ModelCIF file with pLDDT and N, C-alpha, C, O atoms, coordinates in Angstrom:
data_MODEL
#
_entry.id   MODEL 
#
_entity.id                         1 
_entity.type                       polymer 
_entity.pdbx_number_of_molecules   1 
#
_entity_poly.entity_id                      1 
_entity_poly.type                           'polypeptide(L)' 
_entity_poly.nstd_linkage                   no 
_entity_poly.nstd_monomer                   no 
_entity_poly.pdbx_seq_one_letter_code       AAAHLHIDLHPLFRWKMDAARRGRLRHWGLTSFYEDNKSFVRRTL 
_entity_poly.pdbx_seq_one_letter_code_can   AAAHLHIDLHPLFRWKMDAARRGRLRHWGLTSFYEDNKSFVRRTL 
_entity_poly.pdbx_strand_id                 A 
#
loop_
_entity_poly_seq.entity_id 
_entity_poly_seq.num 
_entity_poly_seq.mon_id 
_entity_poly_seq.hetero 
1 1  ALA n 
1 2  ALA n 
1 3  ALA n 
1 4  HIS n 
1 5  LEU n 
1 6  HIS n 
1 7  ILE n 
1 8  ASP n 
1 9  LEU n 
1 10 HIS n 
1 11 PRO n 
1 12 LEU n 
1 13 PHE n 
1 14 ARG n 
1 15 TRP n 
1 16 LYS n 
1 17 MET n 
1 18 ASP n 
1 19 ALA n 
1 20 ALA n 
1 21 ARG n 
1 22 ARG n 
1 23 GLY n 
1 24 ARG n 
1 25 LEU n 
1 26 ARG n 
1 27 HIS n 
1 28 TRP n 
1 29 GLY n 
1 30 LEU n 
1 31 THR n 
1 32 SER n 
1 33 PHE n 
1 34 TYR n 
1 35 GLU n 
1 36 ASP n 
1 37 ASN n 
1 38 LYS n 
1 39 SER n 
1 40 PHE n 
1 41 VAL n 
1 42 ARG n 
1 43 ARG n 
1 44 THR n 
1 45 LEU n 
#
_struct_asym.id          A 
_struct_asym.entity_id   1 
#
loop_
_ma_qa_metric.id 
_ma_qa_metric.mode 
_ma_qa_metric.name 
_ma_qa_metric.software_group_id 
_ma_qa_metric.type 
1 global pLDDT . pLDDT 
2 local  pLDDT . pLDDT 
#
_ma_qa_metric_global.metric_id      1 
_ma_qa_metric_global.metric_value   92.27 
_ma_qa_metric_global.model_id       1 
_ma_qa_metric_global.ordinal_id     1 
#
loop_
_ma_qa_metric_local.label_asym_id 
_ma_qa_metric_local.label_comp_id 
_ma_qa_metric_local.label_seq_id 
_ma_qa_metric_local.metric_id 
_ma_qa_metric_local.metric_value 
_ma_qa_metric_local.model_id 
_ma_qa_metric_local.ordinal_id 
A ALA 1  2 92.00 1 1  
A ALA 2  2 94.00 1 2  
A ALA 3  2 97.00 1 3  
A HIS 4  2 98.00 1 4  
A LEU 5  2 98.00 1 5  
A HIS 6  2 98.00 1 6  
A ILE 7  2 98.00 1 7  
A ASP 8  2 97.00 1 8  
A LEU 9  2 98.00 1 9  
A HIS 10 2 98.00 1 10 
A PRO 11 2 98.00 1 11 
A LEU 12 2 98.00 1 12 
A PHE 13 2 98.00 1 13 
A ARG 14 2 98.00 1 14 
A TRP 15 2 96.00 1 15 
A LYS 16 2 95.00 1 16 
A MET 17 2 96.00 1 17 
A ASP 18 2 95.00 1 18 
A ALA 19 2 93.00 1 19 
A ALA 20 2 93.00 1 20 
A ARG 21 2 93.00 1 21 
A ARG 22 2 91.00 1 22 
A GLY 23 2 86.00 1 23 
A ARG 24 2 82.00 1 24 
A LEU 25 2 76.00 1 25 
A ARG 26 2 72.00 1 26 
A HIS 27 2 76.00 1 27 
A TRP 28 2 71.00 1 28 
A GLY 29 2 83.00 1 29 
A LEU 30 2 90.00 1 30 
A THR 31 2 89.00 1 31 
A SER 32 2 90.00 1 32 
A PHE 33 2 91.00 1 33 
A TYR 34 2 91.00 1 34 
A GLU 35 2 90.00 1 35 
A ASP 36 2 92.00 1 36 
A ASN 37 2 94.00 1 37 
A LYS 38 2 94.00 1 38 
A SER 39 2 96.00 1 39 
A PHE 40 2 96.00 1 40 
A VAL 41 2 96.00 1 41 
A ARG 42 2 96.00 1 42 
A ARG 43 2 96.00 1 43 
A THR 44 2 96.00 1 44 
A LEU 45 2 97.00 1 45 
#
loop_
_atom_site.group_PDB 
_atom_site.id 
_atom_site.type_symbol 
_atom_site.label_atom_id 
_atom_site.label_alt_id 
_atom_site.label_comp_id 
_atom_site.label_asym_id 
_atom_site.label_entity_id 
_atom_site.label_seq_id 
_atom_site.pdbx_PDB_ins_code 
_atom_site.Cartn_x 
_atom_site.Cartn_y 
_atom_site.Cartn_z 
_atom_site.occupancy 
_atom_site.B_iso_or_equiv 
_atom_site.pdbx_formal_charge 
_atom_site.auth_seq_id 
_atom_site.auth_comp_id 
_atom_site.auth_asym_id 
_atom_site.auth_atom_id 
_atom_site.pdbx_PDB_model_num 
ATOM 1   N N  . ALA A 1 1  ? 35.076 6.166  12.595 1.00 92.00 ? 1  ALA A N  1 
ATOM 2   C CA . ALA A 1 1  ? 33.797 6.322  11.905 1.00 92.00 ? 1  ALA A CA 1 
ATOM 3   C C  . ALA A 1 1  ? 33.007 5.067  12.311 1.00 92.00 ? 1  ALA A C  1 
ATOM 4   O O  . ALA A 1 1  ? 33.227 4.536  13.399 1.00 92.00 ? 1  ALA A O  1 
ATOM 5   N N  . ALA A 1 2  ? 32.098 4.588  11.459 1.00 94.00 ? 2  ALA A N  1 
ATOM 6   C CA . ALA A 1 2  ? 31.469 3.295  11.737 1.00 94.00 ? 2  ALA A CA 1 
ATOM 7   C C  . ALA A 1 2  ? 32.581 2.259  11.809 1.00 94.00 ? 2  ALA A C  1 
ATOM 8   O O  . ALA A 1 2  ? 33.460 2.227  10.947 1.00 94.00 ? 2  ALA A O  1 
ATOM 9   N N  . ALA A 1 3  ? 32.548 1.410  12.836 1.00 97.00 ? 3  ALA A N  1 
ATOM 10  C CA . ALA A 1 3  ? 33.706 0.557  13.062 1.00 97.00 ? 3  ALA A CA 1 
ATOM 11  C C  . ALA A 1 3  ? 33.332 -0.714 13.810 1.00 97.00 ? 3  ALA A C  1 
ATOM 12  O O  . ALA A 1 3  ? 32.328 -0.786 14.518 1.00 97.00 ? 3  ALA A O  1 
ATOM 13  N N  . HIS A 1 4  ? 34.199 -1.724 13.616 1.00 98.00 ? 4  HIS A N  1 
ATOM 14  C CA . HIS A 1 4  ? 34.217 -2.889 14.486 1.00 98.00 ? 4  HIS A CA 1 
ATOM 15  C C  . HIS A 1 4  ? 35.212 -2.594 15.608 1.00 98.00 ? 4  HIS A C  1 
ATOM 16  O O  . HIS A 1 4  ? 36.330 -2.147 15.352 1.00 98.00 ? 4  HIS A O  1 
ATOM 17  N N  . LEU A 1 5  ? 34.801 -2.846 16.846 1.00 98.00 ? 5  LEU A N  1 
ATOM 18  C CA . LEU A 1 5  ? 35.666 -2.598 17.994 1.00 98.00 ? 5  LEU A CA 1 
ATOM 19  C C  . LEU A 1 5  ? 35.777 -3.853 18.847 1.00 98.00 ? 5  LEU A C  1 
ATOM 20  O O  . LEU A 1 5  ? 34.864 -4.678 18.884 1.00 98.00 ? 5  LEU A O  1 
ATOM 21  N N  . HIS A 1 6  ? 36.903 -3.984 19.529 1.00 98.00 ? 6  HIS A N  1 
ATOM 22  C CA . HIS A 1 6  ? 37.053 -5.094 20.461 1.00 98.00 ? 6  HIS A CA 1 
ATOM 23  C C  . HIS A 1 6  ? 35.988 -4.978 21.541 1.00 98.00 ? 6  HIS A C  1 
ATOM 24  O O  . HIS A 1 6  ? 35.683 -3.879 22.004 1.00 98.00 ? 6  HIS A O  1 
ATOM 25  N N  . ILE A 1 7  ? 35.430 -6.103 21.938 1.00 98.00 ? 7  ILE A N  1 
ATOM 26  C CA . ILE A 1 7  ? 34.297 -6.112 22.860 1.00 98.00 ? 7  ILE A CA 1 
ATOM 27  C C  . ILE A 1 7  ? 34.621 -5.439 24.188 1.00 98.00 ? 7  ILE A C  1 
ATOM 28  O O  . ILE A 1 7  ? 33.727 -4.887 24.828 1.00 98.00 ? 7  ILE A O  1 
ATOM 29  N N  . ASP A 1 8  ? 35.889 -5.473 24.615 1.00 97.00 ? 8  ASP A N  1 
ATOM 30  C CA . ASP A 1 8  ? 36.263 -4.874 25.889 1.00 97.00 ? 8  ASP A CA 1 
ATOM 31  C C  . ASP A 1 8  ? 36.115 -3.356 25.904 1.00 97.00 ? 8  ASP A C  1 
ATOM 32  O O  . ASP A 1 8  ? 36.116 -2.741 26.970 1.00 97.00 ? 8  ASP A O  1 
ATOM 33  N N  . LEU A 1 9  ? 35.988 -2.747 24.714 1.00 98.00 ? 9  LEU A N  1 
ATOM 34  C CA . LEU A 1 9  ? 35.862 -1.295 24.641 1.00 98.00 ? 9  LEU A CA 1 
ATOM 35  C C  . LEU A 1 9  ? 34.431 -0.808 24.872 1.00 98.00 ? 9  LEU A C  1 
ATOM 36  O O  . LEU A 1 9  ? 34.211 0.394  25.021 1.00 98.00 ? 9  LEU A O  1 
ATOM 37  N N  . HIS A 1 10 ? 33.467 -1.710 24.904 1.00 98.00 ? 10 HIS A N  1 
ATOM 38  C CA . HIS A 1 10 ? 32.073 -1.267 25.008 1.00 98.00 ? 10 HIS A CA 1 
ATOM 39  C C  . HIS A 1 10 ? 31.825 -0.339 26.198 1.00 98.00 ? 10 HIS A C  1 
ATOM 40  O O  . HIS A 1 10 ? 31.203 0.707  26.012 1.00 98.00 ? 10 HIS A O  1 
ATOM 41  N N  . PRO A 1 11 ? 32.278 -0.667 27.404 1.00 98.00 ? 11 PRO A N  1 
ATOM 42  C CA . PRO A 1 11 ? 32.029 0.262  28.520 1.00 98.00 ? 11 PRO A CA 1 
ATOM 43  C C  . PRO A 1 11 ? 32.624 1.647  28.301 1.00 98.00 ? 11 PRO A C  1 
ATOM 44  O O  . PRO A 1 11 ? 32.117 2.633  28.835 1.00 98.00 ? 11 PRO A O  1 
ATOM 45  N N  . LEU A 1 12 ? 33.703 1.725  27.512 1.00 98.00 ? 12 LEU A N  1 
ATOM 46  C CA . LEU A 1 12 ? 34.384 3.002  27.300 1.00 98.00 ? 12 LEU A CA 1 
ATOM 47  C C  . LEU A 1 12 ? 33.625 3.918  26.344 1.00 98.00 ? 12 LEU A C  1 
ATOM 48  O O  . LEU A 1 12 ? 33.967 5.092  26.211 1.00 98.00 ? 12 LEU A O  1 
ATOM 49  N N  . PHE A 1 13 ? 32.601 3.395  25.680 1.00 98.00 ? 13 PHE A N  1 
ATOM 50  C CA . PHE A 1 13 ? 31.800 4.219  24.776 1.00 98.00 ? 13 PHE A CA 1 
ATOM 51  C C  . PHE A 1 13 ? 30.397 4.486  25.318 1.00 98.00 ? 13 PHE A C  1 
ATOM 52  O O  . PHE A 1 13 ? 29.579 5.108  24.640 1.00 98.00 ? 13 PHE A O  1 
ATOM 53  N N  . ARG A 1 14 ? 30.115 4.024  26.525 1.00 98.00 ? 14 ARG A N  1 
ATOM 54  C CA . ARG A 1 14 ? 28.777 4.252  27.073 1.00 98.00 ? 14 ARG A CA 1 
ATOM 55  C C  . ARG A 1 14 ? 28.520 5.724  27.348 1.00 98.00 ? 14 ARG A C  1 
ATOM 56  O O  . ARG A 1 14 ? 27.382 6.182  27.248 1.00 98.00 ? 14 ARG A O  1 
ATOM 57  N N  . TRP A 1 15 ? 29.571 6.476  27.696 1.00 96.00 ? 15 TRP A N  1 
ATOM 58  C CA . TRP A 1 15 ? 29.383 7.913  27.912 1.00 96.00 ? 15 TRP A CA 1 
ATOM 59  C C  . TRP A 1 15 ? 28.916 8.592  26.625 1.00 96.00 ? 15 TRP A C  1 
ATOM 60  O O  . TRP A 1 15 ? 28.127 9.536  26.664 1.00 96.00 ? 15 TRP A O  1 
ATOM 61  N N  . LYS A 1 16 ? 29.405 8.107  25.494 1.00 95.00 ? 16 LYS A N  1 
ATOM 62  C CA . LYS A 1 16 ? 29.021 8.670  24.206 1.00 95.00 ? 16 LYS A CA 1 
ATOM 63  C C  . LYS A 1 16 ? 27.563 8.329  23.899 1.00 95.00 ? 16 LYS A C  1 
ATOM 64  O O  . LYS A 1 16 ? 26.811 9.161  23.392 1.00 95.00 ? 16 LYS A O  1 
ATOM 65  N N  . MET A 1 17 ? 27.180 7.095  24.214 1.00 96.00 ? 17 MET A N  1 
ATOM 66  C CA . MET A 1 17 ? 25.789 6.695  24.031 1.00 96.00 ? 17 MET A CA 1 
ATOM 67  C C  . MET A 1 17 ? 24.867 7.521  24.920 1.00 96.00 ? 17 MET A C  1 
ATOM 68  O O  . MET A 1 17 ? 23.798 7.956  24.492 1.00 96.00 ? 17 MET A O  1 
ATOM 69  N N  . ASP A 1 18 ? 25.297 7.731  26.166 1.00 95.00 ? 18 ASP A N  1 
ATOM 70  C CA . ASP A 1 18 ? 24.509 8.540  27.099 1.00 95.00 ? 18 ASP A CA 1 
ATOM 71  C C  . ASP A 1 18 ? 24.416 9.980  26.615 1.00 95.00 ? 18 ASP A C  1 
ATOM 72  O O  . ASP A 1 18 ? 23.363 10.609 26.731 1.00 95.00 ? 18 ASP A O  1 
ATOM 73  N N  . ALA A 1 19 ? 25.523 10.511 26.068 1.00 93.00 ? 19 ALA A N  1 
ATOM 74  C CA . ALA A 1 19 ? 25.506 11.883 25.544 1.00 93.00 ? 19 ALA A CA 1 
ATOM 75  C C  . ALA A 1 19 ? 24.528 12.009 24.392 1.00 93.00 ? 19 ALA A C  1 
ATOM 76  O O  . ALA A 1 19 ? 23.877 13.043 24.241 1.00 93.00 ? 19 ALA A O  1 
ATOM 77  N N  . ALA A 1 20 ? 24.415 10.957 23.568 1.00 93.00 ? 20 ALA A N  1 
ATOM 78  C CA . ALA A 1 20 ? 23.451 10.976 22.469 1.00 93.00 ? 20 ALA A CA 1 
ATOM 79  C C  . ALA A 1 20 ? 22.024 10.972 23.003 1.00 93.00 ? 20 ALA A C  1 
ATOM 80  O O  . ALA A 1 20 ? 21.166 11.687 22.485 1.00 93.00 ? 20 ALA A O  1 
ATOM 81  N N  . ARG A 1 21 ? 21.766 10.174 24.033 1.00 93.00 ? 21 ARG A N  1 
ATOM 82  C CA . ARG A 1 21 ? 20.424 10.134 24.620 1.00 93.00 ? 21 ARG A CA 1 
ATOM 83  C C  . ARG A 1 21 ? 20.036 11.474 25.228 1.00 93.00 ? 21 ARG A C  1 
ATOM 84  O O  . ARG A 1 21 ? 18.869 11.866 25.188 1.00 93.00 ? 21 ARG A O  1 
ATOM 85  N N  . ARG A 1 22 ? 21.017 12.177 25.791 1.00 91.00 ? 22 ARG A N  1 
ATOM 86  C CA . ARG A 1 22 ? 20.751 13.454 26.440 1.00 91.00 ? 22 ARG A CA 1 
ATOM 87  C C  . ARG A 1 22 ? 20.746 14.625 25.458 1.00 91.00 ? 22 ARG A C  1 
ATOM 88  O O  . ARG A 1 22 ? 20.465 15.761 25.841 1.00 91.00 ? 22 ARG A O  1 
ATOM 89  N N  . GLY A 1 23 ? 21.058 14.346 24.196 1.00 86.00 ? 23 GLY A N  1 
ATOM 90  C CA . GLY A 1 23 ? 21.069 15.407 23.194 1.00 86.00 ? 23 GLY A CA 1 
ATOM 91  C C  . GLY A 1 23 ? 22.356 16.195 23.144 1.00 86.00 ? 23 GLY A C  1 
ATOM 92  O O  . GLY A 1 23 ? 22.449 17.183 22.416 1.00 86.00 ? 23 GLY A O  1 
ATOM 93  N N  . ARG A 1 24 ? 23.371 15.768 23.920 1.00 82.00 ? 24 ARG A N  1 
ATOM 94  C CA . ARG A 1 24 ? 24.662 16.466 23.907 1.00 82.00 ? 24 ARG A CA 1 
ATOM 95  C C  . ARG A 1 24 ? 25.492 16.081 22.693 1.00 82.00 ? 24 ARG A C  1 
ATOM 96  O O  . ARG A 1 24 ? 26.349 16.851 22.259 1.00 82.00 ? 24 ARG A O  1 
ATOM 97  N N  . LEU A 1 25 ? 25.248 14.902 22.143 1.00 76.00 ? 25 LEU A N  1 
ATOM 98  C CA . LEU A 1 25 ? 25.948 14.430 20.946 1.00 76.00 ? 25 LEU A CA 1 
ATOM 99  C C  . LEU A 1 25 ? 24.954 14.436 19.793 1.00 76.00 ? 25 LEU A C  1 
ATOM 100 O O  . LEU A 1 25 ? 24.021 13.634 19.760 1.00 76.00 ? 25 LEU A O  1 
ATOM 101 N N  . ARG A 1 26 ? 25.158 15.327 18.871 1.00 72.00 ? 26 ARG A N  1 
ATOM 102 C CA . ARG A 1 26 ? 24.239 15.473 17.744 1.00 72.00 ? 26 ARG A CA 1 
ATOM 103 C C  . ARG A 1 26 ? 24.957 14.981 16.492 1.00 72.00 ? 26 ARG A C  1 
ATOM 104 O O  . ARG A 1 26 ? 25.895 15.607 16.000 1.00 72.00 ? 26 ARG A O  1 
ATOM 105 N N  . HIS A 1 27 ? 24.491 13.852 16.000 1.00 76.00 ? 27 HIS A N  1 
ATOM 106 C CA . HIS A 1 27 ? 25.221 13.112 14.971 1.00 76.00 ? 27 HIS A CA 1 
ATOM 107 C C  . HIS A 1 27 ? 24.338 12.933 13.740 1.00 76.00 ? 27 HIS A C  1 
ATOM 108 O O  . HIS A 1 27 ? 23.313 12.254 13.792 1.00 76.00 ? 27 HIS A O  1 
ATOM 109 N N  . TRP A 1 28 ? 24.752 13.557 12.623 1.00 71.00 ? 28 TRP A N  1 
ATOM 110 C CA . TRP A 1 28 ? 24.083 13.360 11.341 1.00 71.00 ? 28 TRP A CA 1 
ATOM 111 C C  . TRP A 1 28 ? 22.582 13.643 11.384 1.00 71.00 ? 28 TRP A C  1 
ATOM 112 O O  . TRP A 1 28 ? 21.819 13.015 10.650 1.00 71.00 ? 28 TRP A O  1 
ATOM 113 N N  . GLY A 1 29 ? 22.152 14.561 12.216 1.00 83.00 ? 29 GLY A N  1 
ATOM 114 C CA . GLY A 1 29 ? 20.743 14.908 12.276 1.00 83.00 ? 29 GLY A CA 1 
ATOM 115 C C  . GLY A 1 29 ? 19.876 13.898 12.998 1.00 83.00 ? 29 GLY A C  1 
ATOM 116 O O  . GLY A 1 29 ? 18.654 14.038 13.020 1.00 83.00 ? 29 GLY A O  1 
ATOM 117 N N  . LEU A 1 30 ? 20.488 12.880 13.592 1.00 90.00 ? 30 LEU A N  1 
ATOM 118 C CA . LEU A 1 30 ? 19.706 11.835 14.253 1.00 90.00 ? 30 LEU A CA 1 
ATOM 119 C C  . LEU A 1 30 ? 18.998 12.379 15.495 1.00 90.00 ? 30 LEU A C  1 
ATOM 120 O O  . LEU A 1 30 ? 17.852 12.018 15.764 1.00 90.00 ? 30 LEU A O  1 
ATOM 121 N N  . THR A 1 31 ? 19.676 13.245 16.252 1.00 89.00 ? 31 THR A N  1 
ATOM 122 C CA . THR A 1 31 ? 19.065 13.808 17.452 1.00 89.00 ? 31 THR A CA 1 
ATOM 123 C C  . THR A 1 31 ? 17.878 14.686 17.097 1.00 89.00 ? 31 THR A C  1 
ATOM 124 O O  . THR A 1 31 ? 16.844 14.636 17.763 1.00 89.00 ? 31 THR A O  1 
ATOM 125 N N  . SER A 1 32 ? 18.020 15.482 16.061 1.00 90.00 ? 32 SER A N  1 
ATOM 126 C CA . SER A 1 32 ? 16.904 16.329 15.615 1.00 90.00 ? 32 SER A CA 1 
ATOM 127 C C  . SER A 1 32 ? 15.735 15.474 15.158 1.00 90.00 ? 32 SER A C  1 
ATOM 128 O O  . SER A 1 32 ? 14.578 15.799 15.424 1.00 90.00 ? 32 SER A O  1 
ATOM 129 N N  . PHE A 1 33 ? 16.036 14.388 14.476 1.00 91.00 ? 33 PHE A N  1 
ATOM 130 C CA . PHE A 1 33 ? 14.965 13.479 14.042 1.00 91.00 ? 33 PHE A CA 1 
ATOM 131 C C  . PHE A 1 33 ? 14.217 12.929 15.257 1.00 91.00 ? 33 PHE A C  1 
ATOM 132 O O  . PHE A 1 33 ? 12.987 12.879 15.268 1.00 91.00 ? 33 PHE A O  1 
ATOM 133 N N  . TYR A 1 34 ? 14.973 12.518 16.280 1.00 91.00 ? 34 TYR A N  1 
ATOM 134 C CA . TYR A 1 34 ? 14.334 11.979 17.476 1.00 91.00 ? 34 TYR A CA 1 
ATOM 135 C C  . TYR A 1 34 ? 13.459 13.033 18.148 1.00 91.00 ? 34 TYR A C  1 
ATOM 136 O O  . TYR A 1 34 ? 12.337 12.745 18.563 1.00 91.00 ? 34 TYR A O  1 
ATOM 137 N N  . GLU A 1 35 ? 13.977 14.249 18.252 1.00 90.00 ? 35 GLU A N  1 
ATOM 138 C CA . GLU A 1 35 ? 13.219 15.309 18.920 1.00 90.00 ? 35 GLU A CA 1 
ATOM 139 C C  . GLU A 1 35 ? 11.907 15.590 18.209 1.00 90.00 ? 35 GLU A C  1 
ATOM 140 O O  . GLU A 1 35 ? 10.928 15.983 18.844 1.00 90.00 ? 35 GLU A O  1 
ATOM 141 N N  . ASP A 1 36 ? 11.879 15.391 16.903 1.00 92.00 ? 36 ASP A N  1 
ATOM 142 C CA . ASP A 1 36 ? 10.661 15.639 16.125 1.00 92.00 ? 36 ASP A CA 1 
ATOM 143 C C  . ASP A 1 36 ? 9.773  14.409 15.992 1.00 92.00 ? 36 ASP A C  1 
ATOM 144 O O  . ASP A 1 36 ? 8.619  14.516 15.577 1.00 92.00 ? 36 ASP A O  1 
ATOM 145 N N  . ASN A 1 37 ? 10.321 13.215 16.351 1.00 94.00 ? 37 ASN A N  1 
ATOM 146 C CA . ASN A 1 37 ? 9.591  11.960 16.099 1.00 94.00 ? 37 ASN A CA 1 
ATOM 147 C C  . ASN A 1 37 ? 9.739  10.984 17.267 1.00 94.00 ? 37 ASN A C  1 
ATOM 148 O O  . ASN A 1 37 ? 9.970  9.794  17.053 1.00 94.00 ? 37 ASN A O  1 
ATOM 149 N N  . LYS A 1 38 ? 9.608  11.477 18.498 1.00 94.00 ? 38 LYS A N  1 
ATOM 150 C CA . LYS A 1 38 ? 9.856  10.643 19.666 1.00 94.00 ? 38 LYS A CA 1 
ATOM 151 C C  . LYS A 1 38 ? 8.951  9.416  19.710 1.00 94.00 ? 38 LYS A C  1 
ATOM 152 O O  . LYS A 1 38 ? 9.418  8.313  19.995 1.00 94.00 ? 38 LYS A O  1 
ATOM 153 N N  . SER A 1 39 ? 7.680  9.594  19.435 1.00 96.00 ? 39 SER A N  1 
ATOM 154 C CA . SER A 1 39 ? 6.745  8.467  19.506 1.00 96.00 ? 39 SER A CA 1 
ATOM 155 C C  . SER A 1 39 ? 7.099  7.399  18.480 1.00 96.00 ? 39 SER A C  1 
ATOM 156 O O  . SER A 1 39 ? 7.052  6.206  18.778 1.00 96.00 ? 39 SER A O  1 
ATOM 157 N N  . PHE A 1 40 ? 7.453  7.830  17.269 1.00 96.00 ? 40 PHE A N  1 
ATOM 158 C CA . PHE A 1 40 ? 7.810  6.882  16.215 1.00 96.00 ? 40 PHE A CA 1 
ATOM 159 C C  . PHE A 1 40 ? 9.061  6.094  16.598 1.00 96.00 ? 40 PHE A C  1 
ATOM 160 O O  . PHE A 1 40 ? 9.125  4.883  16.388 1.00 96.00 ? 40 PHE A O  1 
ATOM 161 N N  . VAL A 1 41 ? 10.058 6.788  17.162 1.00 96.00 ? 41 VAL A N  1 
ATOM 162 C CA . VAL A 1 41 ? 11.302 6.112  17.550 1.00 96.00 ? 41 VAL A CA 1 
ATOM 163 C C  . VAL A 1 41 ? 11.030 5.090  18.644 1.00 96.00 ? 41 VAL A C  1 
ATOM 164 O O  . VAL A 1 41 ? 11.566 3.983  18.603 1.00 96.00 ? 41 VAL A O  1 
ATOM 165 N N  . ARG A 1 42 ? 10.196 5.451  19.629 1.00 96.00 ? 42 ARG A N  1 
ATOM 166 C CA . ARG A 1 42 ? 9.880  4.503  20.699 1.00 96.00 ? 42 ARG A CA 1 
ATOM 167 C C  . ARG A 1 42 ? 9.091  3.308  20.177 1.00 96.00 ? 42 ARG A C  1 
ATOM 168 O O  . ARG A 1 42 ? 9.268  2.188  20.656 1.00 96.00 ? 42 ARG A O  1 
ATOM 169 N N  . ARG A 1 43 ? 8.228  3.540  19.204 1.00 96.00 ? 43 ARG A N  1 
ATOM 170 C CA . ARG A 1 43 ? 7.494  2.427  18.591 1.00 96.00 ? 43 ARG A CA 1 
ATOM 171 C C  . ARG A 1 43 ? 8.449  1.508  17.833 1.00 96.00 ? 43 ARG A C  1 
ATOM 172 O O  . ARG A 1 43 ? 8.293  0.287  17.835 1.00 96.00 ? 43 ARG A O  1 
ATOM 173 N N  . THR A 1 44 ? 9.434  2.117  17.188 1.00 96.00 ? 44 THR A N  1 
ATOM 174 C CA . THR A 1 44 ? 10.444 1.316  16.471 1.00 96.00 ? 44 THR A CA 1 
ATOM 175 C C  . THR A 1 44 ? 11.217 0.448  17.442 1.00 96.00 ? 44 THR A C  1 
ATOM 176 O O  . THR A 1 44 ? 11.482 -0.720 17.156 1.00 96.00 ? 44 THR A O  1 
ATOM 177 N N  . LEU A 1 45 ? 11.582 1.003  18.584 1.00 97.00 ? 45 LEU A N  1 
ATOM 178 C CA . LEU A 1 45 ? 12.295 0.233  19.592 1.00 97.00 ? 45 LEU A CA 1 
ATOM 179 C C  . LEU A 1 45 ? 11.443 -0.937 20.075 1.00 97.00 ? 45 LEU A C  1 
ATOM 180 O O  . LEU A 1 45 ? 11.878 -1.706 20.932 1.00 97.00 ? 45 LEU A O  1 
#
């Protein structure tokens, strides 16, 4: 779930991050929120 991970594991989770960016990983409605609020999310970034 939400977790602390050893720093060496970061590269091993980049595929998951990429899947979220591509909309393949839909987590807690976050992807739907982004699809409906792209400009707001980019402004937040």
